[in-house]
């Protein structure tokens, strides 16, 4: 069973990593040209997929920590 402290750690780490990625995405987007810029829907789908991967990685890490 997940306790509140572990859930708060997961939430905090997820937010930090997503915010970092968003800053990196914005920097990359500013550097991109019209030829290689993605359309808005493709960009959003990729963003959601990355968020999902980050969440899975954090949950796996917390599960390993909980087992110890």
PDB file of N, CA and C in Angstrom:
ATOM      1  N   UNK A   1       0.851  -1.190   0.000  1.00  0.00           N
ATOM      2  CA  UNK A   1       0.000   0.000   0.000  1.00  0.00           C
ATOM      3  C   UNK A   1       0.896   1.253   0.000  1.00  0.00           C
ATOM      4  N   UNK A   2       0.510   2.202  -0.810  1.00  0.00           N
ATOM      5  CA  UNK A   2       1.274   3.445  -0.896  1.00  0.00           C
ATOM      6  C   UNK A   2       0.903   4.346   0.276  1.00  0.00           C
ATOM      7  N   UNK A   3       1.903   4.879   0.934  1.00  0.00           N
ATOM      8  CA  UNK A   3       1.570   5.840   1.980  1.00  0.00           C
ATOM      9  C   UNK A   3       1.674   7.256   1.425  1.00  0.00           C
ATOM     10  N   UNK A   4       1.167   8.199   2.168  1.00  0.00           N
ATOM     11  CA  UNK A   4       1.084   9.583   1.707  1.00  0.00           C
ATOM     12  C   UNK A   4       2.460  10.169   1.392  1.00  0.00           C
ATOM     13  N   UNK A   5       3.460   9.850   2.204  1.00  0.00           N
ATOM     14  CA  UNK A   5       4.800  10.403   1.984  1.00  0.00           C
ATOM     15  C   UNK A   5       5.360   9.958   0.630  1.00  0.00           C
ATOM     16  N   UNK A   6       5.202   8.692   0.308  1.00  0.00           N
ATOM     17  CA  UNK A   6       5.703   8.181  -0.973  1.00  0.00           C
ATOM     18  C   UNK A   6       4.952   8.842  -2.122  1.00  0.00           C
ATOM     19  N   UNK A   7       3.648   8.978  -2.006  1.00  0.00           N
ATOM     20  CA  UNK A   7       2.858   9.620  -3.058  1.00  0.00           C
ATOM     21  C   UNK A   7       3.267  11.074  -3.240  1.00  0.00           C
ATOM     22  N   UNK A   8       3.560  11.763  -2.145  1.00  0.00           N
ATOM     23  CA  UNK A   8       4.009  13.151  -2.247  1.00  0.00           C
ATOM     24  C   UNK A   8       5.375  13.251  -2.928  1.00  0.00           C
ATOM     25  N   UNK A   9       6.265  12.289  -2.622  1.00  0.00           N
ATOM     26  CA  UNK A   9       7.575  12.265  -3.273  1.00  0.00           C
ATOM     27  C   UNK A   9       7.426  12.040  -4.776  1.00  0.00           C
ATOM     28  N   UNK A  10       6.544  11.107  -5.151  1.00  0.00           N
ATOM     29  CA  UNK A  10       6.292  10.827  -6.561  1.00  0.00           C
ATOM     30  C   UNK A  10       5.783  12.084  -7.248  1.00  0.00           C
ATOM     31  N   UNK A  11       4.819  12.743  -6.637  1.00  0.00           N
ATOM     32  CA  UNK A  11       4.227  13.951  -7.219  1.00  0.00           C
ATOM     33  C   UNK A  11       5.279  15.050  -7.386  1.00  0.00           C
ATOM     34  N   UNK A  12       6.092  15.242  -6.363  1.00  0.00           N
ATOM     35  CA  UNK A  12       7.119  16.293  -6.402  1.00  0.00           C
ATOM     36  C   UNK A  12       8.139  16.022  -7.502  1.00  0.00           C
ATOM     37  N   UNK A  13       8.641  14.789  -7.563  1.00  0.00           N
ATOM     38  CA  UNK A  13       9.653  14.457  -8.567  1.00  0.00           C
ATOM     39  C   UNK A  13       9.072  14.563  -9.974  1.00  0.00           C
ATOM     40  N   UNK A  14       7.825  14.106 -10.144  1.00  0.00           N
ATOM     41  CA  UNK A  14       7.178  14.195 -11.455  1.00  0.00           C
ATOM     42  C   UNK A  14       7.069  15.646 -11.900  1.00  0.00           C
ATOM     43  N   UNK A  15       6.598  16.515 -11.023  1.00  0.00           N
ATOM     44  CA  UNK A  15       6.445  17.931 -11.380  1.00  0.00           C
ATOM     45  C   UNK A  15       7.781  18.568 -11.736  1.00  0.00           C
ATOM     46  N   UNK A  16       8.823  18.251 -10.955  1.00  0.00           N
ATOM     47  CA  UNK A  16      10.149  18.819 -11.219  1.00  0.00           C
ATOM     48  C   UNK A  16      10.666  18.380 -12.585  1.00  0.00           C
ATOM     49  N   UNK A  17      10.503  17.098 -12.883  1.00  0.00           N
ATOM     50  CA  UNK A  17      11.035  16.587 -14.152  1.00  0.00           C
ATOM     51  C   UNK A  17      10.234  17.097 -15.343  1.00  0.00           C
ATOM     52  N   UNK A  18       8.922  17.211 -15.174  1.00  0.00           N
ATOM     53  CA  UNK A  18       8.092  17.729 -16.268  1.00  0.00           C
ATOM     54  C   UNK A  18       8.417  19.194 -16.506  1.00  0.00           C
ATOM     55  N   UNK A  19       8.574  19.972 -15.440  1.00  0.00           N
ATOM     56  CA  UNK A  19       8.910  21.388 -15.599  1.00  0.00           C
ATOM     57  C   UNK A  19      10.260  21.549 -16.300  1.00  0.00           C
ATOM     58  N   UNK A  20      11.228  20.734 -15.946  1.00  0.00           N
ATOM     59  CA  UNK A  20      12.536  20.787 -16.590  1.00  0.00           C
ATOM     60  C   UNK A  20      12.411  20.461 -18.062  1.00  0.00           C
ATOM     61  N   UNK A  21      11.626  19.421 -18.384  1.00  0.00           N
ATOM     62  CA  UNK A  21      11.449  19.026 -19.775  1.00  0.00           C
ATOM     63  C   UNK A  21      10.730  20.114 -20.562  1.00  0.00           C
ATOM     64  N   UNK A  22       9.750  20.764 -19.953  1.00  0.00           N
ATOM     65  CA  UNK A  22       9.020  21.835 -20.635  1.00  0.00           C
ATOM     66  C   UNK A  22       9.974  22.980 -20.975  1.00  0.00           C
ATOM     67  N   UNK A  23      10.839  23.340 -20.039  1.00  0.00           N
ATOM     68  CA  UNK A  23      11.821  24.399 -20.307  1.00  0.00           C
ATOM     69  C   UNK A  23      12.722  23.983 -21.465  1.00  0.00           C
ATOM     70  N   UNK A  24      13.181  22.733 -21.450  1.00  0.00           N
ATOM     71  CA  UNK A  24      14.034  22.238 -22.534  1.00  0.00           C
ATOM     72  C   UNK A  24      13.277  22.226 -23.862  1.00  0.00           C
ATOM     73  N   UNK A  25      11.997  21.827 -23.843  1.00  0.00           N
ATOM     74  CA  UNK A  25      11.168  21.817 -25.052  1.00  0.00           C
ATOM     75  C   UNK A  25      11.017  23.227 -25.606  1.00  0.00           C
ATOM     76  N   UNK A  26      10.796  24.193 -24.724  1.00  0.00           N
ATOM     77  CA  UNK A  26      10.631  25.582 -25.165  1.00  0.00           C
ATOM     78  C   UNK A  26      11.908  26.096 -25.820  1.00  0.00           C
ATOM     79  N   UNK A  27      13.048  25.767 -25.231  1.00  0.00           N
ATOM     80  CA  UNK A  27      14.333  26.190 -25.799  1.00  0.00           C
ATOM     81  C   UNK A  27      14.518  25.566 -27.180  1.00  0.00           C
ATOM     82  N   UNK A  28      14.215  24.285 -27.294  1.00  0.00           N
ATOM     83  CA  UNK A  28      14.354  23.598 -28.581  1.00  0.00           C
ATOM     84  C   UNK A  28      13.389  24.170 -29.614  1.00  0.00           C
ATOM     85  N   UNK A  29      12.170  24.475 -29.162  1.00  0.00           N
ATOM     86  CA  UNK A  29      11.168  25.002 -30.080  1.00  0.00           C
ATOM     87  C   UNK A  29      11.610  26.367 -30.611  1.00  0.00           C
ATOM     88  N   UNK A  30      12.206  27.181 -29.753  1.00  0.00           N
ATOM     89  CA  UNK A  30      12.664  28.503 -30.180  1.00  0.00           C
ATOM     90  C   UNK A  30      13.795  28.388 -31.197  1.00  0.00           C
ATOM     91  N   UNK A  31      14.606  27.354 -31.069  1.00  0.00           N
ATOM     92  CA  UNK A  31      15.741  27.175 -31.975  1.00  0.00           C
ATOM     93  C   UNK A  31      15.321  26.548 -33.297  1.00  0.00           C
ATOM     94  N   UNK A  32      14.170  25.883 -33.318  1.00  0.00           N
ATOM     95  CA  UNK A  32      13.771  25.169 -34.530  1.00  0.00           C
ATOM     96  C   UNK A  32      13.324  26.134 -35.619  1.00  0.00           C
ATOM     97  N   UNK A  33      13.415  25.658 -36.827  1.00  0.00           N
ATOM     98  CA  UNK A  33      12.964  26.460 -37.970  1.00  0.00           C
ATOM     99  C   UNK A  33      11.604  25.952 -38.421  1.00  0.00           C
ATOM    100  N   UNK A  34      10.977  26.667 -39.342  1.00  0.00           N
ATOM    101  CA  UNK A  34       9.654  26.269 -39.824  1.00  0.00           C
ATOM    102  C   UNK A  34       9.701  24.903 -40.501  1.00  0.00           C
ATOM    103  N   UNK A  35      10.791  24.574 -41.176  1.00  0.00           N
ATOM    104  CA  UNK A  35      10.883  23.286 -41.883  1.00  0.00           C
ATOM    105  C   UNK A  35      10.850  22.093 -40.934  1.00  0.00           C
ATOM    106  N   UNK A  36      11.487  22.190 -39.779  1.00  0.00           N
ATOM    107  CA  UNK A  36      11.554  21.039 -38.885  1.00  0.00           C
ATOM    108  C   UNK A  36      10.651  21.177 -37.656  1.00  0.00           C
ATOM    109  N   UNK A  37       9.836  22.220 -37.606  1.00  0.00           N
ATOM    110  CA  UNK A  37       8.914  22.375 -36.473  1.00  0.00           C
ATOM    111  C   UNK A  37       7.786  21.360 -36.592  1.00  0.00           C
ATOM    112  N   UNK A  38       7.347  20.823 -35.472  1.00  0.00           N
ATOM    113  CA  UNK A  38       6.260  19.836 -35.469  1.00  0.00           C
ATOM    114  C   UNK A  38       4.930  20.548 -35.458  1.00  0.00           C
ATOM    115  N   UNK A  39       3.885  19.845 -35.977  1.00  0.00           N
ATOM    116  CA  UNK A  39       2.557  20.446 -35.853  1.00  0.00           C
ATOM    117  C   UNK A  39       2.089  20.328 -34.409  1.00  0.00           C
ATOM    118  N   UNK A  40       1.106  21.096 -34.039  1.00  0.00           N
ATOM    119  CA  UNK A  40       0.681  21.206 -32.637  1.00  0.00           C
ATOM    120  C   UNK A  40       0.195  19.874 -32.073  1.00  0.00           C
ATOM    121  N   UNK A  41      -0.578  19.111 -32.843  1.00  0.00           N
ATOM    122  CA  UNK A  41      -1.094  17.849 -32.304  1.00  0.00           C
ATOM    123  C   UNK A  41       0.019  16.844 -32.084  1.00  0.00           C
ATOM    124  N   UNK A  42       0.945  16.747 -33.019  1.00  0.00           N
ATOM    125  CA  UNK A  42       2.071  15.829 -32.846  1.00  0.00           C
ATOM    126  C   UNK A  42       2.901  16.199 -31.636  1.00  0.00           C
ATOM    127  N   UNK A  43       3.097  17.488 -31.438  1.00  0.00           N
ATOM    128  CA  UNK A  43       3.869  17.979 -30.299  1.00  0.00           C
ATOM    129  C   UNK A  43       3.190  17.608 -28.981  1.00  0.00           C
ATOM    130  N   UNK A  44       1.856  17.799 -28.922  1.00  0.00           N
ATOM    131  CA  UNK A  44       1.125  17.492 -27.688  1.00  0.00           C
ATOM    132  C   UNK A  44       1.115  15.990 -27.406  1.00  0.00           C
ATOM    133  N   UNK A  45       0.961  15.171 -28.443  1.00  0.00           N
ATOM    134  CA  UNK A  45       0.977  13.718 -28.251  1.00  0.00           C
ATOM    135  C   UNK A  45       2.329  13.277 -27.708  1.00  0.00           C
ATOM    136  N   UNK A  46       3.394  13.830 -28.276  1.00  0.00           N
ATOM    137  CA  UNK A  46       4.738  13.483 -27.818  1.00  0.00           C
ATOM    138  C   UNK A  46       4.938  13.926 -26.369  1.00  0.00           C
ATOM    139  N   UNK A  47       4.431  15.093 -26.029  1.00  0.00           N
ATOM    140  CA  UNK A  47       4.555  15.625 -24.672  1.00  0.00           C
ATOM    141  C   UNK A  47       3.843  14.718 -23.672  1.00  0.00           C
ATOM    142  N   UNK A  48       2.618  14.288 -23.999  1.00  0.00           N
ATOM    143  CA  UNK A  48       1.866  13.386 -23.116  1.00  0.00           C
ATOM    144  C   UNK A  48       2.594  12.054 -22.964  1.00  0.00           C
ATOM    145  N   UNK A  49       3.154  11.538 -24.060  1.00  0.00           N
ATOM    146  CA  UNK A  49       3.869  10.273 -24.011  1.00  0.00           C
ATOM    147  C   UNK A  49       5.093  10.381 -23.103  1.00  0.00           C
ATOM    148  N   UNK A  50       5.824  11.499 -23.213  1.00  0.00           N
ATOM    149  CA  UNK A  50       6.994  11.703 -22.352  1.00  0.00           C
ATOM    150  C   UNK A  50       6.577  11.779 -20.889  1.00  0.00           C
ATOM    151  N   UNK A  51       5.461  12.472 -20.596  1.00  0.00           N
ATOM    152  CA  UNK A  51       4.970  12.545 -19.224  1.00  0.00           C
ATOM    153  C   UNK A  51       4.667  11.151 -18.693  1.00  0.00           C
ATOM    154  N   UNK A  52       4.064  10.310 -19.531  1.00  0.00           N
ATOM    155  CA  UNK A  52       3.731   8.943 -19.130  1.00  0.00           C
ATOM    156  C   UNK A  52       4.998   8.159 -18.806  1.00  0.00           C
ATOM    157  N   UNK A  53       6.017   8.294 -19.641  1.00  0.00           N
ATOM    158  CA  UNK A  53       7.276   7.582 -19.395  1.00  0.00           C
ATOM    159  C   UNK A  53       7.944   8.048 -18.110  1.00  0.00           C
ATOM    160  N   UNK A  54       7.920   9.341 -17.867  1.00  0.00           N
ATOM    161  CA  UNK A  54       8.497   9.882 -16.629  1.00  0.00           C
ATOM    162  C   UNK A  54       7.754   9.314 -15.428  1.00  0.00           C
ATOM    163  N   UNK A  55       6.422   9.301 -15.500  1.00  0.00           N
ATOM    164  CA  UNK A  55       5.610   8.790 -14.389  1.00  0.00           C
ATOM    165  C   UNK A  55       5.915   7.316 -14.133  1.00  0.00           C
ATOM    166  N   UNK A  56       5.997   6.510 -15.196  1.00  0.00           N
ATOM    167  CA  UNK A  56       6.304   5.084 -15.030  1.00  0.00           C
ATOM    168  C   UNK A  56       7.659   4.880 -14.363  1.00  0.00           C
ATOM    169  N   UNK A  57       8.650   5.631 -14.793  1.00  0.00           N
ATOM    170  CA  UNK A  57      10.000   5.505 -14.241  1.00  0.00           C
ATOM    171  C   UNK A  57      10.016   5.849 -12.750  1.00  0.00           C
ATOM    172  N   UNK A  58       9.308   6.913 -12.375  1.00  0.00           N
ATOM    173  CA  UNK A  58       9.275   7.333 -10.978  1.00  0.00           C
ATOM    174  C   UNK A  58       8.568   6.280 -10.128  1.00  0.00           C
ATOM    175  N   UNK A  59       7.452   5.750 -10.614  1.00  0.00           N
ATOM    176  CA  UNK A  59       6.707   4.731  -9.863  1.00  0.00           C
ATOM    177  C   UNK A  59       7.565   3.492  -9.670  1.00  0.00           C
ATOM    178  N   UNK A  60       8.272   3.055 -10.719  1.00  0.00           N
ATOM    179  CA  UNK A  60       9.157   1.895 -10.589  1.00  0.00           C
ATOM    180  C   UNK A  60      10.228   2.135  -9.526  1.00  0.00           C
ATOM    181  N   UNK A  61      10.812   3.324  -9.535  1.00  0.00           N
ATOM    182  CA  UNK A  61      11.851   3.666  -8.562  1.00  0.00           C
ATOM    183  C   UNK A  61      11.293   3.636  -7.141  1.00  0.00           C
ATOM    184  N   UNK A  62      10.091   4.187  -6.969  1.00  0.00           N
ATOM    185  CA  UNK A  62       9.482   4.205  -5.645  1.00  0.00           C
ATOM    186  C   UNK A  62       9.097   2.791  -5.181  1.00  0.00           C
ATOM    187  N   UNK A  63       8.652   1.954  -6.105  1.00  0.00           N
ATOM    188  CA  UNK A  63       8.325   0.574  -5.744  1.00  0.00           C
ATOM    189  C   UNK A  63       9.572  -0.164  -5.282  1.00  0.00           C
ATOM    190  N   UNK A  64      10.692   0.059  -5.961  1.00  0.00           N
ATOM    191  CA  UNK A  64      11.948  -0.562  -5.552  1.00  0.00           C
ATOM    192  C   UNK A  64      12.371  -0.063  -4.179  1.00  0.00           C
ATOM    193  N   UNK A  65      12.208   1.218  -3.941  1.00  0.00           N
ATOM    194  CA  UNK A  65      12.564   1.806  -2.650  1.00  0.00           C
ATOM    195  C   UNK A  65      11.683   1.231  -1.540  1.00  0.00           C
ATOM    196  N   UNK A  66      10.411   1.012  -1.859  1.00  0.00           N
ATOM    197  CA  UNK A  66       9.459   0.494  -0.875  1.00  0.00           C
ATOM    198  C   UNK A  66       9.782  -0.949  -0.503  1.00  0.00           C
ATOM    199  N   UNK A  67      10.293  -1.726  -1.452  1.00  0.00           N
ATOM    200  CA  UNK A  67      10.616  -3.135  -1.208  1.00  0.00           C
ATOM    201  C   UNK A  67      11.818  -3.308  -0.297  1.00  0.00           C
ATOM    202  N   UNK A  68      12.689  -2.311  -0.269  1.00  0.00           N
ATOM    203  CA  UNK A  68      13.935  -2.406   0.514  1.00  0.00           C
ATOM    204  C   UNK A  68      13.679  -2.341   1.988  1.00  0.00           C
TER     205      UNK A  68
END
